[in-house]
Protein backbone atom coordinates (compact mmCIF):
# COMPACT_ATOMS: atom_id res chain seq x y z
CA MET A 1 12.88 -7.08 -21.03
CA ARG A 2 10.76 -10.00 -20.79
CA PHE A 3 9.46 -11.85 -17.43
CA THR A 4 6.49 -13.69 -16.18
CA ALA A 5 3.86 -12.00 -14.23
CA ALA A 6 1.22 -13.58 -11.97
CA CYS A 7 -2.02 -12.41 -10.41
CA ILE A 8 -3.30 -13.98 -7.23
CA GLN A 9 -7.04 -14.52 -6.99
CA SER A 10 -8.43 -14.95 -3.65
CA THR A 11 -11.41 -14.32 -1.35
CA ALA A 12 -10.57 -12.01 1.70
CA THR A 13 -12.08 -12.84 4.99
CA PRO A 14 -12.30 -10.66 8.61
CA ASP A 15 -9.38 -13.09 9.76
CA LEU A 16 -6.10 -11.42 8.65
CA ARG A 17 -3.77 -14.24 9.66
CA HIS A 18 -5.91 -16.80 7.56
CA ASP A 19 -5.79 -14.60 4.73
CA LEU A 20 -1.98 -14.26 4.97
CA ALA A 21 -1.52 -17.90 5.14
CA VAL A 22 -3.58 -18.50 2.09
CA LEU A 23 -1.88 -15.62 0.12
CA ALA A 24 1.49 -16.80 1.19
CA THR A 25 0.86 -20.34 -0.33
CA MET A 26 -0.28 -18.93 -3.72
CA ILE A 27 2.65 -16.28 -3.95
CA ARG A 28 4.93 -19.26 -3.19
CA GLU A 29 3.41 -21.39 -5.95
CA ALA A 30 3.38 -18.46 -8.49
CA ALA A 31 7.10 -18.02 -7.76
CA SER A 32 7.70 -21.78 -8.17
CA ARG A 33 6.05 -21.74 -11.65
CA GLY A 34 8.50 -18.91 -12.69
CA ALA A 35 6.68 -15.60 -11.84
CA SER A 36 9.13 -12.89 -11.17
CA PHE A 37 6.29 -10.30 -10.41
CA VAL A 38 3.45 -11.40 -8.35
CA ALA A 39 0.40 -8.99 -7.56
CA THR A 40 -2.44 -9.62 -5.00
CA PRO A 41 -5.96 -8.12 -4.99
CA GLU A 42 -7.38 -5.05 -3.26
CA TYR A 43 -8.11 -5.59 0.26
CA CYS A 44 -6.20 -8.83 0.06
CA ALA A 45 -5.76 -9.45 3.79
CA GLY A 46 -8.39 -8.84 6.50
CA LEU A 47 -11.85 -7.43 5.11
CA ASP A 48 -15.37 -7.26 6.48
CA THR A 49 -18.15 -5.62 4.72
CA ARG A 50 -21.26 -4.33 6.50
CA ASP A 51 -24.23 -2.28 5.04
CA GLY A 52 -22.25 -1.47 1.80
CA LYS A 53 -19.25 -0.23 3.91
CA MET A 54 -15.61 -1.58 3.79
CA PHE A 55 -14.06 -2.48 7.17
CA PRO A 56 -10.62 -3.64 6.42
CA VAL A 57 -8.54 -4.98 9.30
CA ALA A 58 -6.15 -1.73 9.67
CA HIS A 59 -3.15 -0.94 11.60
CA ALA A 60 -0.50 1.84 11.52
CA GLU A 61 1.82 1.19 8.84
CA ALA A 62 4.82 0.68 11.10
CA ASP A 63 2.95 -1.91 13.24
CA HIS A 64 1.01 -3.49 10.39
CA PRO A 65 1.42 -7.35 10.90
CA ALA A 66 0.99 -8.22 7.10
CA LEU A 67 3.85 -5.99 5.93
CA PRO A 68 6.53 -8.18 7.29
CA VAL A 69 5.10 -11.36 6.02
CA PHE A 70 4.87 -9.89 2.52
CA GLN A 71 8.72 -8.47 2.78
CA ASP A 72 9.89 -11.99 3.73
CA LEU A 73 8.13 -13.49 0.90
CA ALA A 74 9.38 -11.04 -1.51
CA LYS A 75 12.96 -11.42 -0.20
CA ASP A 76 13.08 -15.23 0.34
CA LEU A 77 11.62 -15.85 -3.19
CA ARG A 78 13.46 -12.93 -4.88
CA ILE A 79 10.38 -11.50 -6.56
CA TRP A 80 8.78 -8.11 -7.06
CA LEU A 81 5.59 -8.27 -5.11
CA LEU A 82 2.51 -5.78 -5.34
CA ILE A 83 0.50 -5.89 -2.37
CA GLY A 84 -2.86 -4.92 -4.31
CA SER A 85 -3.90 -3.03 -0.93
CA VAL A 86 -4.25 -3.65 2.80
CA GLY A 87 -6.01 -1.12 5.52
CA VAL A 88 -3.52 1.36 7.09
CA LYS A 89 -4.80 3.76 9.60
CA ALA A 90 -5.17 7.43 8.63
CA PRO A 91 -4.72 10.32 11.01
CA ASP A 92 -8.51 11.34 10.83
CA GLY A 93 -9.52 7.90 12.20
CA ARG A 94 -10.53 6.56 8.93
CA ILE A 95 -8.51 3.96 6.82
CA PHE A 96 -6.11 4.44 3.75
CA ASN A 97 -6.72 1.62 1.29
CA ARG A 98 -3.06 1.40 0.45
CA SER A 99 -0.89 -0.63 -2.07
CA PHE A 100 2.70 -1.28 -1.57
CA MET A 101 5.27 -2.25 -4.21
CA LEU A 102 8.03 -4.54 -2.78
CA SER A 103 11.36 -5.26 -4.34
CA PRO A 104 13.26 -8.52 -4.39
CA GLU A 105 15.07 -7.44 -1.48
CA GLY A 106 11.82 -7.01 0.48
CA THR A 107 12.08 -3.23 0.69
CA ILE A 108 9.13 -0.88 0.31
CA LEU A 109 9.79 0.94 -3.18
CA ALA A 110 6.33 2.65 -3.21
CA ARG A 111 3.01 3.30 -1.49
CA TYR A 112 -0.15 4.24 -3.35
CA ASP A 113 -3.58 5.34 -1.43
CA LYS A 114 -6.65 4.74 -3.76
CA ILE A 115 -7.56 8.24 -4.81
CA HIS A 116 -11.05 7.46 -6.21
CA LEU A 117 -13.74 5.99 -3.54
CA PHE A 118 -16.55 3.70 -4.47
CA ASP A 119 -19.55 5.66 -3.55
CA ILE A 120 -22.29 4.38 -5.66
CA ASP A 121 -26.08 3.21 -6.03
CA LEU A 122 -26.77 0.02 -8.14
CA GLY A 123 -30.46 -0.02 -7.39
CA GLU A 124 -32.42 -2.66 -5.81
CA GLY A 125 -31.08 -1.62 -2.29
CA ARG A 126 -27.29 -2.26 -3.41
CA SER A 127 -25.43 0.67 -2.54
CA TYR A 128 -21.67 1.16 -1.50
CA ARG A 129 -20.05 3.98 0.46
CA GLU A 130 -16.24 3.32 0.74
CA SER A 131 -15.72 6.92 1.76
CA ALA A 132 -17.53 6.38 5.05
CA THR A 133 -14.62 4.26 6.32
CA ILE A 134 -11.84 4.97 3.81
CA ALA A 135 -9.87 8.26 3.22
CA PRO A 136 -8.80 9.22 -0.24
CA GLY A 137 -5.19 9.48 -1.38
CA SER A 138 -4.24 12.48 -3.64
CA THR A 139 -1.01 11.36 -5.27
CA ALA A 140 -0.54 9.44 -8.48
CA VAL A 141 2.56 6.85 -8.23
CA ILE A 142 4.59 5.20 -10.59
CA THR A 143 7.22 2.50 -9.29
CA PRO A 144 9.98 0.46 -10.59
CA CYS A 145 9.12 -3.14 -11.35
CA ALA A 146 10.89 -6.15 -13.00
CA GLY A 147 12.74 -3.88 -15.51
CA GLY A 148 10.13 -1.50 -16.31
CA LEU A 149 7.89 1.17 -14.74
CA LEU A 150 4.52 0.32 -13.32
CA GLY A 151 1.61 2.88 -12.44
CA LEU A 152 -0.35 2.19 -9.52
CA SER A 153 -4.08 2.30 -9.10
CA ILE A 154 -6.78 0.45 -7.27
CA CYS A 155 -10.31 -0.84 -8.42
CA TYR A 156 -12.65 2.16 -8.90
CA ASP A 157 -9.67 4.06 -10.25
CA ILE A 158 -9.90 2.23 -13.47
CA ARG A 159 -12.99 4.35 -14.43
CA PHE A 160 -10.75 7.47 -14.66
CA PRO A 161 -8.84 7.20 -17.61
CA HIS A 162 -6.89 10.31 -17.08
CA LEU A 163 -4.92 8.87 -14.33
CA TYR A 164 -3.66 6.12 -16.51
CA ARG A 165 -2.61 8.54 -19.19
CA SER A 166 -0.64 10.57 -16.85
CA HIS A 167 1.17 7.29 -16.07
CA ALA A 168 1.80 6.29 -19.40
CA GLN A 169 2.89 9.72 -20.44
CA ALA A 170 5.18 9.89 -17.71
CA GLY A 171 6.93 6.61 -18.80
CA ALA A 172 4.84 3.70 -17.41
CA GLU A 173 4.86 0.66 -19.51
CA MET A 174 2.71 -1.31 -17.05
CA LEU A 175 -0.62 -0.34 -15.19
CA ALA A 176 -1.89 -2.26 -12.24
CA ALA A 177 -5.38 -2.17 -11.10
CA PRO A 178 -5.85 -4.71 -8.22
CA ALA A 179 -9.51 -4.81 -7.35
CA ALA A 180 -12.50 -6.33 -5.47
CA PHE A 181 -15.02 -5.47 -8.22
CA THR A 182 -18.44 -6.16 -7.54
CA ARG A 183 -20.14 -9.08 -9.70
CA VAL A 184 -22.82 -6.68 -10.98
CA THR A 185 -20.47 -4.01 -12.45
CA GLY A 186 -17.72 -6.69 -13.13
CA ARG A 187 -20.15 -8.52 -15.69
CA ALA A 188 -21.02 -5.31 -17.31
CA HIS A 189 -17.83 -3.36 -17.47
CA TRP A 190 -14.64 -5.04 -15.99
CA HIS A 191 -13.28 -6.63 -19.33
CA VAL A 192 -14.19 -3.50 -21.28
CA LEU A 193 -12.59 -0.94 -18.85
CA GLN A 194 -9.25 -3.01 -18.51
CA ARG A 195 -8.86 -3.60 -22.32
CA ALA A 196 -9.59 0.30 -22.93
CA ARG A 197 -7.03 1.34 -20.38
CA ALA A 198 -4.40 -0.99 -22.19
CA ILE A 199 -5.33 0.27 -25.63
CA GLU A 200 -5.50 3.98 -24.84
CA ASN A 201 -1.96 3.89 -23.19
CA ALA A 202 -0.29 1.10 -25.34
CA ALA A 203 0.56 -0.53 -21.84
CA TYR A 204 0.16 -3.82 -20.14
CA VAL A 205 -2.38 -3.86 -17.56
CA ILE A 206 -2.27 -6.30 -14.74
CA SER A 207 -5.23 -6.61 -12.39
CA PRO A 208 -5.60 -9.30 -9.81
CA GLY A 209 -9.15 -9.43 -8.46
CA GLN A 210 -10.94 -10.90 -5.49
CA CYS A 211 -13.57 -13.54 -6.30
CA GLY A 212 -16.41 -15.27 -4.46
CA THR A 213 -18.65 -13.77 -1.54
CA LEU A 214 -17.16 -11.73 1.21
CA ALA A 215 -18.34 -11.51 4.76
CA GLY A 216 -21.36 -9.25 4.77
CA GLY A 217 -22.55 -10.66 1.53
CA ALA A 218 -20.81 -8.55 -1.02
CA GLU A 219 -20.05 -10.48 -4.03
CA CYS A 220 -16.73 -10.03 -6.16
CA TYR A 221 -16.45 -10.78 -9.84
CA GLY A 222 -12.84 -12.30 -9.96
CA HIS A 223 -11.66 -12.50 -13.50
CA SER A 224 -8.02 -11.24 -12.70
CA LEU A 225 -6.68 -10.20 -15.99
CA ILE A 226 -3.41 -9.60 -17.91
CA VAL A 227 -3.82 -7.63 -20.99
CA ASP A 228 -1.19 -6.74 -23.50
CA PRO A 229 -0.68 -3.26 -25.13
CA TRP A 230 -2.69 -4.07 -28.03
CA GLY A 231 -5.73 -4.80 -25.88
CA VAL A 232 -5.58 -8.75 -25.97
CA VAL A 233 -6.43 -10.68 -22.96
CA LEU A 234 -3.32 -12.91 -22.16
CA ALA A 235 -4.80 -14.42 -19.00
CA ASP A 236 -8.25 -14.52 -17.25
CA GLY A 237 -8.86 -16.10 -13.72
CA GLY A 238 -12.44 -16.71 -14.10
CA GLU A 239 -14.36 -16.69 -10.83
CA GLU A 240 -12.70 -19.05 -8.48
CA PRO A 241 -9.57 -18.53 -6.23
CA GLY A 242 -6.32 -19.38 -8.21
CA ILE A 243 -3.38 -17.97 -10.11
CA VAL A 244 -3.07 -16.64 -13.55
CA MET A 245 0.13 -15.91 -15.48
CA SER A 246 1.46 -14.47 -18.64
CA GLU A 247 4.84 -13.46 -20.02
CA ILE A 248 5.44 -9.66 -20.23
CA ASP A 249 7.50 -8.36 -22.94
CA LEU A 250 8.28 -4.83 -22.53
CA ALA A 251 9.56 -4.49 -26.07
CA LYS A 252 5.80 -4.85 -27.30
CA VAL A 253 5.14 -1.55 -25.43
CA ALA A 254 7.70 0.37 -27.44
CA GLU A 255 6.68 -1.33 -30.59
CA THR A 256 2.84 -0.49 -29.99
CA ARG A 257 3.66 3.18 -29.10
CA ARG A 258 5.71 3.29 -32.35
CA ARG A 259 2.75 2.16 -34.60
CA ILE A 260 0.20 4.36 -32.68
CA PRO A 261 2.03 7.15 -30.97
CA SER A 262 -1.21 8.75 -29.52
CA LEU A 263 0.49 9.47 -26.28
CA SER A 264 2.35 12.33 -27.98
CA HIS A 265 -0.73 13.42 -30.04
CA ASP A 266 -2.64 15.14 -27.20
CA ARG A 267 -3.63 18.66 -28.12
CA PRO A 268 -5.20 21.34 -26.16
CA PHE A 269 -8.72 22.53 -26.77
CA THR A 270 -11.63 24.67 -25.57
CA LEU A 271 -15.28 23.37 -24.67
CA THR A 272 -18.29 25.11 -25.99
CA THR A 273 -21.58 24.39 -24.64
CA ARG A 274 -24.55 25.27 -26.89
CA THR A 275 -27.95 25.69 -25.33
């Protein structure tokens, strides 16, 4: 199975409707250039940041104004569309950082709530507490996508390799990690982490990212990536808004897994600590 995938690279603002208009234009352009699968970044529509906390524009899923826009785009353009994430109100008053996978009919095939939340201290007064406003998910999700299976994740999840191995061992041929990676951590780790997840699991990794400076001053790294199962970077979005595209050939996943069948070589072990 071969198809063209596209990553949208954009900069979210606190103005949801503005962001939706920008994304719609870019999604339409990607489809016009032949993409049958299009993915947007984490927190792609409606985001404010203050004091290291995330404040995405959030609504109950049933009333979320972004969903009909994205569903109509998927249906009109006949594409598979991954909404990297938007804010969805959680029962406890916080917000789910939620991805949606849409079919070419515009139906919601899957939802994924980000499991691992970005609570870190980078030094020099730079700290982030995603859990202050965001509720974590607890379920890993694999969804149909363009003739294959796609494992869903979001941003900070990329640092937890067991999540992706679970996806791959359950049959996922592609892994998605839409992100709003910080510039500091992105420069140090982004490419290495993306390539590592591809190599470990002999899977395509498709990761659209936010770029530029967000409201509140947080800086995003950009560099939306498409990486093949051998770890080769097929497309890199740099640091400016835009669209990156690449052909996906799922036969390469099967070929790579035949060459290096490490997904079937896991063995149980015990851990001994010597003091």
